[in-house]
Protein backbone atom coordinates (compact mmCIF):
# COMPACT_ATOMS: atom_id res chain seq x y z
CA UNK A 1 0.24 -0.32 0.08
CA UNK A 2 1.37 3.62 -1.22
CA UNK A 3 -0.43 6.69 0.44
CA UNK A 4 -0.56 10.45 -0.36
CA UNK A 5 -1.78 13.63 1.18
CA UNK A 6 -3.16 16.03 -0.82
CA UNK A 7 -4.29 19.61 -0.76
CA UNK A 8 -5.06 22.11 1.83
CA UNK A 9 -7.75 22.48 3.97
CA UNK A 10 -9.78 20.24 2.14
CA UNK A 11 -7.80 17.12 2.22
CA UNK A 12 -7.74 13.98 0.35
CA UNK A 13 -5.91 10.16 1.79
CA UNK A 14 -4.97 8.46 -1.81
CA UNK A 15 -4.59 4.99 -1.41
CA UNK A 16 -2.90 3.34 -4.23
CA UNK A 17 -3.24 -0.68 -3.67
CA UNK A 18 -1.64 -3.36 -5.43
CA UNK A 19 -3.46 -6.48 -7.13
CA UNK A 20 -5.56 -8.30 -4.06
CA UNK A 21 -4.54 -6.21 -1.81
CA UNK A 22 -7.30 -4.87 0.97
CA UNK A 23 -7.93 -1.55 2.73
CA UNK A 24 -10.59 -0.27 4.81
CA UNK A 25 -12.49 2.77 5.72
CA UNK A 26 -15.14 4.42 7.64
CA UNK A 27 -18.83 4.09 5.73
CA UNK A 28 -18.84 7.40 4.02
CA UNK A 29 -15.61 8.35 3.55
CA UNK A 30 -14.75 7.84 -0.03
CA UNK A 31 -14.45 10.23 -2.22
CA UNK A 32 -13.73 8.24 -5.72
CA UNK A 33 -11.45 5.18 -7.28
CA UNK A 34 -10.64 3.63 -10.00
CA UNK A 35 -12.35 1.21 -12.11
CA UNK A 36 -10.71 -1.92 -10.91
CA UNK A 37 -11.23 -1.39 -7.29
CA UNK A 38 -14.50 -2.70 -5.57
CA UNK A 39 -15.72 -2.17 -2.39
CA UNK A 40 -17.88 -4.31 0.17
CA UNK A 41 -19.61 -3.48 3.36
CA UNK A 42 -18.10 -6.33 6.15
CA UNK A 43 -19.15 -5.85 9.60
CA UNK A 44 -14.95 -6.55 10.75
CA UNK A 45 -14.97 -8.63 14.41
CA UNK A 46 -18.94 -9.57 14.42
CA UNK A 47 -22.25 -7.57 15.74
CA UNK A 48 -20.42 -6.55 19.39
CA UNK A 49 -17.25 -5.23 18.11
CA UNK A 50 -19.47 -3.11 15.07
CA UNK A 51 -21.24 -2.20 17.69
CA UNK A 52 -18.75 -0.84 19.63
CA UNK A 53 -17.33 0.96 16.66
CA UNK A 54 -20.58 2.88 16.43
CA UNK A 55 -21.19 3.72 19.63
CA UNK A 56 -17.50 5.39 19.45
CA UNK A 57 -18.23 7.41 16.54
CA UNK A 58 -17.16 5.36 13.30
CA UNK A 59 -19.98 2.84 11.84
CA UNK A 60 -21.39 -0.16 12.25
CA UNK A 61 -20.10 -1.65 8.74
CA UNK A 62 -16.35 -0.51 7.65
CA UNK A 63 -16.04 -0.50 3.87
CA UNK A 64 -13.40 -2.98 2.04
CA UNK A 65 -12.14 -2.13 -0.98
CA UNK A 66 -9.60 -4.06 -3.19
CA UNK A 67 -8.03 -4.19 -6.35
CA UNK A 68 -8.75 -6.42 -9.11
CA UNK A 69 -6.25 -6.84 -12.82
CA UNK A 70 -3.32 -4.56 -11.21
CA UNK A 71 -3.14 -1.39 -9.49
CA UNK A 72 -5.74 0.81 -8.35
CA UNK A 73 -6.40 4.15 -6.48
CA UNK A 74 -8.91 5.03 -3.84
CA UNK A 75 -9.29 8.44 -2.23
CA UNK A 76 -10.81 9.59 1.20
CA UNK A 77 -12.22 12.74 2.92
CA UNK A 78 -13.14 13.71 5.82
CA UNK A 79 -16.44 15.90 6.92
CA UNK A 80 -15.82 18.88 7.61
CA UNK A 81 -12.59 21.72 6.50
CA UNK A 82 -9.62 20.70 8.43
CA UNK A 83 -6.39 17.91 8.28
CA UNK A 84 -5.82 14.03 7.68
CA UNK A 85 -2.99 13.00 9.80
CA UNK A 86 -1.55 9.04 8.79
CA UNK A 87 -0.44 7.65 12.05
CA UNK A 88 1.68 3.93 12.11
CA UNK A 89 -0.46 2.29 15.15
CA UNK A 90 2.61 -0.16 14.75
CA UNK A 91 4.66 1.75 16.83
CA UNK A 92 1.49 1.61 19.73
CA UNK A 93 -2.07 2.31 20.26
CA UNK A 94 -3.75 5.81 19.65
CA UNK A 95 -6.18 7.57 21.31
CA UNK A 96 -8.81 9.59 19.53
CA UNK A 97 -11.47 11.94 19.92
CA UNK A 98 -14.82 10.33 18.73
CA UNK A 99 -15.86 10.45 14.97
CA UNK A 100 -12.17 10.99 14.15
CA UNK A 101 -11.31 7.80 12.77
CA UNK A 102 -11.36 7.67 8.37
CA UNK A 103 -9.78 4.87 7.31
CA UNK A 104 -6.52 2.44 7.47
CA UNK A 105 -5.14 -1.21 6.87
CA UNK A 106 -6.81 -3.67 7.41
CA UNK A 107 -4.63 -5.37 10.32
CA UNK A 108 -5.82 -1.90 12.24
CA UNK A 109 -8.15 -2.46 15.08
CA UNK A 110 -10.99 0.19 15.86
CA UNK A 111 -12.56 -0.11 18.95
CA UNK A 112 -13.95 1.98 21.75
CA UNK A 113 -12.16 3.59 24.62
CA UNK A 114 -13.77 4.68 27.64
CA UNK A 115 -11.98 7.54 29.77
CA UNK A 116 -9.80 6.71 32.89
CA UNK A 117 -10.43 9.35 34.66
CA UNK A 118 -14.18 10.71 36.52
CA UNK A 119 -12.90 14.20 35.80
CA UNK A 120 -12.26 14.06 32.43
CA UNK A 121 -15.56 11.75 31.27
CA UNK A 122 -16.76 15.17 33.07
CA UNK A 123 -15.26 17.86 31.72
CA UNK A 124 -12.54 16.98 29.37
CA UNK A 125 -14.30 17.99 26.22
CA UNK A 126 -14.44 14.67 24.77
CA UNK A 127 -17.62 13.05 26.84
CA UNK A 128 -16.78 9.64 27.64
CA UNK A 129 -16.06 7.58 24.76
CA UNK A 130 -13.15 7.94 22.93
CA UNK A 131 -11.92 5.73 19.82
CA UNK A 132 -8.90 3.13 20.26
CA UNK A 133 -6.66 2.63 16.81
CA UNK A 134 -4.29 -0.56 17.25
CA UNK A 135 -2.74 -3.07 16.15
CA UNK A 136 -0.53 -2.74 12.74
CA UNK A 137 -0.29 -0.35 9.75
CA UNK A 138 -1.10 2.68 9.05
CA UNK A 139 -3.95 4.17 9.92
CA UNK A 140 -5.58 7.66 9.02
CA UNK A 141 -7.79 10.31 11.37
CA UNK A 142 -9.07 13.47 10.04
CA UNK A 143 -10.14 16.53 12.44
CA UNK A 144 -11.72 20.09 11.68
CA UNK A 145 -9.08 23.12 11.38
CA UNK A 146 -5.41 22.84 11.27
CA UNK A 147 -3.07 20.11 13.20
CA UNK A 148 -0.22 20.38 15.34
CA UNK A 149 1.40 17.31 16.40
CA UNK A 150 3.65 17.38 19.70
CA UNK A 151 5.92 14.70 20.62
CA UNK A 152 6.37 14.95 24.90
CA UNK A 153 9.32 14.00 26.84
CA UNK A 154 8.92 11.47 29.51
CA UNK A 155 6.68 14.26 32.31
CA UNK A 156 6.36 16.82 29.92
CA UNK A 157 3.02 18.73 30.49
CA UNK A 158 0.26 20.54 27.46
CA UNK A 159 -2.66 21.84 28.93
CA UNK A 160 -4.86 22.08 25.71
CA UNK A 161 -8.21 24.22 25.64
CA UNK A 162 -11.16 21.98 26.23
CA UNK A 163 -11.90 20.03 23.12
CA UNK A 164 -9.25 20.83 21.11
CA UNK A 165 -7.23 17.61 21.95
CA UNK A 166 -7.58 15.13 18.63
CA UNK A 167 -5.55 12.53 19.19
CA UNK A 168 -2.63 11.38 21.67
CA UNK A 169 -0.69 8.19 21.75
CA UNK A 170 -1.69 5.53 24.63
CA UNK A 171 1.34 6.14 26.82
CA UNK A 172 0.38 9.54 27.11
CA UNK A 173 -1.36 10.10 30.30
CA UNK A 174 -5.05 12.41 30.22
CA UNK A 175 -6.59 14.33 32.64
CA UNK A 176 -8.32 18.05 33.53
CA UNK A 177 -7.26 20.78 34.97
CA UNK A 178 -8.78 24.13 36.36
CA UNK A 179 -8.21 26.87 34.27
CA UNK A 180 -7.51 29.34 37.75
CA UNK A 181 -9.55 31.58 39.92
CA UNK A 182 -13.56 32.08 39.35
CA UNK A 183 -12.70 35.55 37.24
CA UNK A 184 -9.95 33.65 34.89
CA UNK A 185 -12.60 30.45 34.22
CA UNK A 186 -15.80 33.32 33.87
CA UNK A 187 -14.31 36.03 31.77
CA UNK A 188 -11.08 33.30 30.16
CA UNK A 189 -13.25 31.99 27.45
CA UNK A 190 -12.12 28.46 27.80
CA UNK A 191 -14.15 27.81 30.49
CA UNK A 192 -13.97 25.70 33.63
CA UNK A 193 -11.17 23.06 32.54
CA UNK A 194 -8.46 22.47 30.69
CA UNK A 195 -7.17 19.32 29.21
CA UNK A 196 -3.34 18.04 30.76
CA UNK A 197 -1.37 15.87 28.43
CA UNK A 198 1.77 14.01 30.18
CA UNK A 199 4.45 12.28 28.09
CA UNK A 200 6.16 10.42 26.50
CA UNK A 201 4.02 10.07 23.45
CA UNK A 202 2.54 12.90 20.78
CA UNK A 203 -0.18 14.76 20.66
CA UNK A 204 -2.64 16.12 17.88
CA UNK A 205 -3.86 19.53 18.49
CA UNK A 206 -6.19 20.94 16.30
CA UNK A 207 -6.48 24.93 16.00
CA UNK A 208 -10.57 24.68 15.31
CA UNK A 209 -13.01 22.20 16.28
CA UNK A 210 -16.44 21.81 14.28
CA UNK A 211 -18.74 23.37 17.22
CA UNK A 212 -16.21 26.42 16.45
CA UNK A 213 -16.66 26.77 12.53
CA UNK A 214 -20.39 26.06 13.09
CA UNK A 215 -20.77 29.04 15.84
CA UNK A 216 -18.13 31.33 14.01
CA UNK A 217 -20.77 30.81 10.81
CA UNK A 218 -23.84 31.48 12.82
CA UNK A 219 -23.98 35.56 11.69
CA UNK A 220 -23.24 35.15 8.05
CA UNK A 221 -26.52 32.56 7.91
CA UNK A 222 -29.63 33.65 6.13
CA UNK A 223 -32.45 34.74 8.55
CA UNK A 224 -36.30 34.16 7.71
CA UNK A 225 -36.50 38.42 7.50
CA UNK A 226 -33.30 38.68 5.25
CA UNK A 227 -34.51 35.75 2.57
CA UNK A 228 -38.23 38.28 2.20
CA UNK A 229 -36.16 40.80 -0.33
CA UNK A 230 -34.50 37.78 -1.79
CA UNK A 231 -37.42 36.50 -3.60
CA UNK A 232 -40.27 37.49 -5.76
CA UNK A 233 -42.90 36.82 -3.24
CA UNK A 234 -40.68 38.81 -0.68
CA UNK A 235 -40.40 41.75 -2.63
CA UNK A 236 -44.01 42.05 -3.35
CA UNK A 237 -45.50 41.34 0.24
CA UNK A 238 -42.60 44.23 1.14
CA UNK A 239 -44.41 46.62 -1.34
CA UNK A 240 -47.65 45.26 0.33
CA UNK A 241 -46.46 46.64 3.93
CA UNK A 242 -45.12 50.24 2.59
CA UNK A 243 -48.63 50.99 1.15
């Protein structure tokens, strides 16, 4: 399997498979494929494994892709403007925010993981359930915004704004800490808690969450009043209203 990641903030991961090679993805993430590629839905690991994947934000069925009659290409994309990151789970398991998994080698296991700290469950921003990627091979995760990958040394700590922690290696300890006093929590714009990530291991931080993007677009969304003048019916109504 060979791959490239192309694009800027609306990226593709382009996977080249040789004859007979297999690849898998979350349902609905395929964007194109060459004519010699075949696609089939598989409930990997049985119903219980599929259900756990579904609860964690992935899909009940994973899509399997196979190249027939020579080299073939299949492309995948995320569901929001952002980046795609490749991770080698053969070097160690990763914990990923809910719905972060995009696609991978079929030797990668996609499972559900629970937060280990009670405070992280309720205040950490990613809730109770995460995705765990383990096994062997390459996996690809997608997240909104730009991504910053940091390799933490043993004992090194990063405090991350709530919900901006995309993924981290299993060796990284995950917890929460208070932002400070009452005034800081109330007016600082970060809420009452920050995520703390303690090395060793790599962490991935996103510049913008999907919730941030949606909130930023609200002032520019059309309203019923602005639509009235944008069509003939609205124009006629406004004429009668002013008469």
